[in-house]
């Protein structure tokens, strides 16, 4: 069985589920999903990305997202939805919400599960990508397995 650590920022939509579950053809896949909740620390970068992508309405509403316990509750719901979506395809899936040092957690999970790869499924983050500070670029130097970066789709 092929083991993939899947880093996500939001609930998986059907097209993303199909994309990650069919990457390896008919080979059975086991997923360890790590959800990185959106936080205050990256609000400015998200707003800059929205402006760069011409999504001005989204940039204006970056401050409208839940914080604290509400954000944690929202992240749990997103994670459970994503795990169910993966399991509905026949894949094995477990997961957790990321906290603390995300790259250290990622490295630990890769080692503990003997993962074959890491997939970072994310929206475009132009500012971070330009400076190679995005999760995929940073993870490539930390985890010791191939890291694939895919762009998440919007709700369909």
C-alpha atoms as a PDB file:
ATOM      1  CA  UNK A   1       0.000   0.000   0.000  1.00  0.00           C
ATOM      2  CA  UNK A   2       1.199   3.478  -0.915  1.00  0.00           C
ATOM      3  CA  UNK A   3       1.191   5.952   2.012  1.00  0.00           C
ATOM      4  CA  UNK A   4       0.666   9.644   1.298  1.00  0.00           C
ATOM      5  CA  UNK A   5       0.812  12.469   3.803  1.00  0.00           C
ATOM      6  CA  UNK A   6      -1.643  15.057   2.510  1.00  0.00           C
ATOM      7  CA  UNK A   7      -1.319  18.638   3.791  1.00  0.00           C
ATOM      8  CA  UNK A   8      -4.453  20.713   3.222  1.00  0.00           C
ATOM      9  CA  UNK A   9      -5.749  24.162   4.197  1.00  0.00           C
ATOM     10  CA  UNK A  10      -9.458  23.687   3.577  1.00  0.00           C
ATOM     11  CA  UNK A  11     -11.951  20.844   3.140  1.00  0.00           C
ATOM     12  CA  UNK A  12     -11.397  18.692   0.082  1.00  0.00           C
ATOM     13  CA  UNK A  13     -13.841  19.214  -2.769  1.00  0.00           C
ATOM     14  CA  UNK A  14     -14.813  16.256  -5.005  1.00  0.00           C
ATOM     15  CA  UNK A  15     -12.428  17.149  -7.836  1.00  0.00           C
ATOM     16  CA  UNK A  16      -9.493  17.286  -5.382  1.00  0.00           C
ATOM     17  CA  UNK A  17     -10.486  13.957  -3.857  1.00  0.00           C
ATOM     18  CA  UNK A  18     -10.531  12.408  -7.316  1.00  0.00           C
ATOM     19  CA  UNK A  19      -7.179  13.983  -8.187  1.00  0.00           C
ATOM     20  CA  UNK A  20      -5.310  12.682  -5.122  1.00  0.00           C
ATOM     21  CA  UNK A  21      -6.942   9.240  -5.067  1.00  0.00           C
ATOM     22  CA  UNK A  22      -6.168   8.497  -8.721  1.00  0.00           C
ATOM     23  CA  UNK A  23      -2.553   9.696  -8.851  1.00  0.00           C
ATOM     24  CA  UNK A  24      -1.211   6.157  -8.463  1.00  0.00           C
ATOM     25  CA  UNK A  25      -3.625   4.321 -10.700  1.00  0.00           C
ATOM     26  CA  UNK A  26      -5.093   1.171  -9.165  1.00  0.00           C
ATOM     27  CA  UNK A  27      -2.536   0.928  -6.346  1.00  0.00           C
ATOM     28  CA  UNK A  28      -4.251   1.148  -2.937  1.00  0.00           C
ATOM     29  CA  UNK A  29      -3.459   4.372  -1.103  1.00  0.00           C
ATOM     30  CA  UNK A  30      -3.483   5.256   2.562  1.00  0.00           C
ATOM     31  CA  UNK A  31      -3.727   8.941   3.486  1.00  0.00           C
ATOM     32  CA  UNK A  32      -2.569  10.768   6.576  1.00  0.00           C
ATOM     33  CA  UNK A  33      -4.259  14.155   6.316  1.00  0.00           C
ATOM     34  CA  UNK A  34      -2.761  17.159   8.085  1.00  0.00           C
ATOM     35  CA  UNK A  35      -4.991  20.211   8.106  1.00  0.00           C
ATOM     36  CA  UNK A  36      -3.224  23.536   8.539  1.00  0.00           C
ATOM     37  CA  UNK A  37      -5.879  25.910   9.871  1.00  0.00           C
ATOM     38  CA  UNK A  38      -5.822  29.433   8.563  1.00  0.00           C
ATOM     39  CA  UNK A  39      -4.528  31.800  11.206  1.00  0.00           C
ATOM     40  CA  UNK A  40      -3.927  35.456  11.929  1.00  0.00           C
ATOM     41  CA  UNK A  41      -0.208  35.129  11.190  1.00  0.00           C
ATOM     42  CA  UNK A  42      -0.790  34.740   7.464  1.00  0.00           C
ATOM     43  CA  UNK A  43      -3.759  37.072   6.995  1.00  0.00           C
ATOM     44  CA  UNK A  44      -1.648  39.809   5.340  1.00  0.00           C
ATOM     45  CA  UNK A  45       0.002  37.323   2.972  1.00  0.00           C
ATOM     46  CA  UNK A  46      -3.402  35.904   2.006  1.00  0.00           C
ATOM     47  CA  UNK A  47      -4.705  39.404   1.298  1.00  0.00           C
ATOM     48  CA  UNK A  48      -1.660  40.163  -0.869  1.00  0.00           C
ATOM     49  CA  UNK A  49      -2.173  36.892  -2.746  1.00  0.00           C
ATOM     50  CA  UNK A  50      -5.846  37.759  -3.311  1.00  0.00           C
ATOM     51  CA  UNK A  51      -4.895  41.178  -4.711  1.00  0.00           C
ATOM     52  CA  UNK A  52      -2.192  39.660  -6.943  1.00  0.00           C
ATOM     53  CA  UNK A  53      -4.721  37.152  -8.297  1.00  0.00           C
ATOM     54  CA  UNK A  54      -7.287  39.899  -8.931  1.00  0.00           C
ATOM     55  CA  UNK A  55      -9.619  38.598  -6.221  1.00  0.00           C
ATOM     56  CA  UNK A  56     -10.247  41.945  -4.552  1.00  0.00           C
ATOM     57  CA  UNK A  57     -13.489  40.881  -2.856  1.00  0.00           C
ATOM     58  CA  UNK A  58     -11.668  38.037  -1.079  1.00  0.00           C
ATOM     59  CA  UNK A  59      -8.883  40.413   0.030  1.00  0.00           C
ATOM     60  CA  UNK A  60     -11.416  42.700   1.671  1.00  0.00           C
ATOM     61  CA  UNK A  61     -12.974  39.817   3.626  1.00  0.00           C
ATOM     62  CA  UNK A  62      -9.775  38.164   4.913  1.00  0.00           C
ATOM     63  CA  UNK A  63     -10.549  39.441   8.430  1.00  0.00           C
ATOM     64  CA  UNK A  64     -14.003  37.819   8.482  1.00  0.00           C
ATOM     65  CA  UNK A  65     -12.759  34.302   9.252  1.00  0.00           C
ATOM     66  CA  UNK A  66     -13.336  32.678  12.653  1.00  0.00           C
ATOM     67  CA  UNK A  67     -10.628  32.828  15.311  1.00  0.00           C
ATOM     68  CA  UNK A  68      -9.770  30.901  18.475  1.00  0.00           C
ATOM     69  CA  UNK A  69     -12.180  28.123  19.471  1.00  0.00           C
ATOM     70  CA  UNK A  70     -14.434  28.869  16.495  1.00  0.00           C
ATOM     71  CA  UNK A  71     -11.481  28.386  14.131  1.00  0.00           C
ATOM     72  CA  UNK A  72     -10.542  25.109  15.833  1.00  0.00           C
ATOM     73  CA  UNK A  73     -14.123  23.849  15.575  1.00  0.00           C
ATOM     74  CA  UNK A  74     -14.253  24.844  11.898  1.00  0.00           C
ATOM     75  CA  UNK A  75     -10.936  23.053  11.276  1.00  0.00           C
ATOM     76  CA  UNK A  76     -12.249  19.856  12.929  1.00  0.00           C
ATOM     77  CA  UNK A  77     -15.341  19.887  10.717  1.00  0.00           C
ATOM     78  CA  UNK A  78     -13.166  20.468   7.626  1.00  0.00           C
ATOM     79  CA  UNK A  79     -10.878  17.599   8.575  1.00  0.00           C
ATOM     80  CA  UNK A  80     -13.745  15.161   9.222  1.00  0.00           C
ATOM     81  CA  UNK A  81     -15.375  16.095   5.905  1.00  0.00           C
ATOM     82  CA  UNK A  82     -12.096  15.508   4.058  1.00  0.00           C
ATOM     83  CA  UNK A  83     -11.443  12.166   5.755  1.00  0.00           C
ATOM     84  CA  UNK A  84     -14.963  10.963   4.955  1.00  0.00           C
ATOM     85  CA  UNK A  85     -14.573  12.036   1.323  1.00  0.00           C
ATOM     86  CA  UNK A  86     -11.339  10.058   0.993  1.00  0.00           C
ATOM     87  CA  UNK A  87     -12.781   6.995   2.747  1.00  0.00           C
ATOM     88  CA  UNK A  88     -15.825   7.075   0.468  1.00  0.00           C
ATOM     89  CA  UNK A  89     -13.471   6.295  -2.447  1.00  0.00           C
ATOM     90  CA  UNK A  90     -12.192   3.190  -0.670  1.00  0.00           C
ATOM     91  CA  UNK A  91      -8.949   4.768   0.517  1.00  0.00           C
ATOM     92  CA  UNK A  92      -7.757   4.519   4.087  1.00  0.00           C
ATOM     93  CA  UNK A  93      -7.580   7.924   5.769  1.00  0.00           C
ATOM     94  CA  UNK A  94      -6.672   9.289   9.176  1.00  0.00           C
ATOM     95  CA  UNK A  95      -5.771  12.819  10.087  1.00  0.00           C
ATOM     96  CA  UNK A  96      -5.162  15.594  12.525  1.00  0.00           C
ATOM     97  CA  UNK A  97      -5.118  19.365  12.798  1.00  0.00           C
ATOM     98  CA  UNK A  98      -1.646  20.831  12.687  1.00  0.00           C
ATOM     99  CA  UNK A  99      -0.442  22.900  15.597  1.00  0.00           C
ATOM    100  CA  UNK A 100       2.904  24.032  16.895  1.00  0.00           C
ATOM    101  CA  UNK A 101       5.709  23.682  14.346  1.00  0.00           C
ATOM    102  CA  UNK A 102       4.013  22.325  11.200  1.00  0.00           C
ATOM    103  CA  UNK A 103       7.239  21.216   9.527  1.00  0.00           C
ATOM    104  CA  UNK A 104       8.388  19.296  12.603  1.00  0.00           C
ATOM    105  CA  UNK A 105       4.992  17.575  12.786  1.00  0.00           C
ATOM    106  CA  UNK A 106       5.170  16.778   9.074  1.00  0.00           C
ATOM    107  CA  UNK A 107       8.622  15.271   9.463  1.00  0.00           C
ATOM    108  CA  UNK A 108       7.457  13.189  12.453  1.00  0.00           C
ATOM    109  CA  UNK A 109       4.382  11.906  10.636  1.00  0.00           C
ATOM    110  CA  UNK A 110       6.440  10.958   7.569  1.00  0.00           C
ATOM    111  CA  UNK A 111       8.883   9.018   9.760  1.00  0.00           C
ATOM    112  CA  UNK A 112       6.211   7.341  11.943  1.00  0.00           C
ATOM    113  CA  UNK A 113       4.101   6.196   8.989  1.00  0.00           C
ATOM    114  CA  UNK A 114       6.984   5.389   6.618  1.00  0.00           C
ATOM    115  CA  UNK A 115       5.208   7.616   4.107  1.00  0.00           C
ATOM    116  CA  UNK A 116       6.133   7.308   0.461  1.00  0.00           C
ATOM    117  CA  UNK A 117       5.358  10.920  -0.416  1.00  0.00           C
ATOM    118  CA  UNK A 118       3.939  14.223   0.750  1.00  0.00           C
ATOM    119  CA  UNK A 119       1.306  16.089  -1.226  1.00  0.00           C
ATOM    120  CA  UNK A 120       0.727  19.732  -0.382  1.00  0.00           C
ATOM    121  CA  UNK A 121      -2.709  20.671  -1.691  1.00  0.00           C
ATOM    122  CA  UNK A 122      -2.987  24.427  -1.472  1.00  0.00           C
ATOM    123  CA  UNK A 123      -4.358  27.571  -3.029  1.00  0.00           C
ATOM    124  CA  UNK A 124      -1.780  29.690  -4.870  1.00  0.00           C
ATOM    125  CA  UNK A 125       0.325  31.731  -2.451  1.00  0.00           C
ATOM    126  CA  UNK A 126       2.239  33.974  -4.824  1.00  0.00           C
ATOM    127  CA  UNK A 127       4.209  35.952  -2.249  1.00  0.00           C
ATOM    128  CA  UNK A 128       5.369  32.877  -0.302  1.00  0.00           C
ATOM    129  CA  UNK A 129       6.100  30.922  -3.496  1.00  0.00           C
ATOM    130  CA  UNK A 130       8.201  33.763  -4.896  1.00  0.00           C
ATOM    131  CA  UNK A 131      10.436  33.644  -1.828  1.00  0.00           C
ATOM    132  CA  UNK A 132      10.245  29.811  -1.568  1.00  0.00           C
ATOM    133  CA  UNK A 133       8.593  30.096   1.859  1.00  0.00           C
ATOM    134  CA  UNK A 134       5.502  28.060   0.920  1.00  0.00           C
ATOM    135  CA  UNK A 135       4.874  24.709   2.643  1.00  0.00           C
ATOM    136  CA  UNK A 136       5.982  22.582  -0.299  1.00  0.00           C
ATOM    137  CA  UNK A 137       9.292  24.397  -0.774  1.00  0.00           C
ATOM    138  CA  UNK A 138      10.072  24.269   2.932  1.00  0.00           C
ATOM    139  CA  UNK A 139       9.008  20.625   3.283  1.00  0.00           C
ATOM    140  CA  UNK A 140      11.267  19.461   0.429  1.00  0.00           C
ATOM    141  CA  UNK A 141      14.282  20.172   2.618  1.00  0.00           C
ATOM    142  CA  UNK A 142      12.905  18.513   5.752  1.00  0.00           C
ATOM    143  CA  UNK A 143      11.067  15.256   5.101  1.00  0.00           C
ATOM    144  CA  UNK A 144      13.282  12.966   3.026  1.00  0.00           C
ATOM    145  CA  UNK A 145      10.522  11.823   0.630  1.00  0.00           C
ATOM    146  CA  UNK A 146       9.212  13.343  -2.604  1.00  0.00           C
ATOM    147  CA  UNK A 147       6.987  16.398  -2.093  1.00  0.00           C
ATOM    148  CA  UNK A 148       4.350  17.165  -4.707  1.00  0.00           C
ATOM    149  CA  UNK A 149       2.581  20.498  -4.752  1.00  0.00           C
ATOM    150  CA  UNK A 150      -0.915  20.616  -6.237  1.00  0.00           C
ATOM    151  CA  UNK A 151      -3.319  23.521  -6.430  1.00  0.00           C
ATOM    152  CA  UNK A 152      -6.647  22.993  -4.713  1.00  0.00           C
ATOM    153  CA  UNK A 153      -9.843  23.690  -6.586  1.00  0.00           C
ATOM    154  CA  UNK A 154     -12.532  26.066  -5.435  1.00  0.00           C
ATOM    155  CA  UNK A 155     -15.914  24.715  -4.400  1.00  0.00           C
ATOM    156  CA  UNK A 156     -17.823  23.240  -7.321  1.00  0.00           C
END
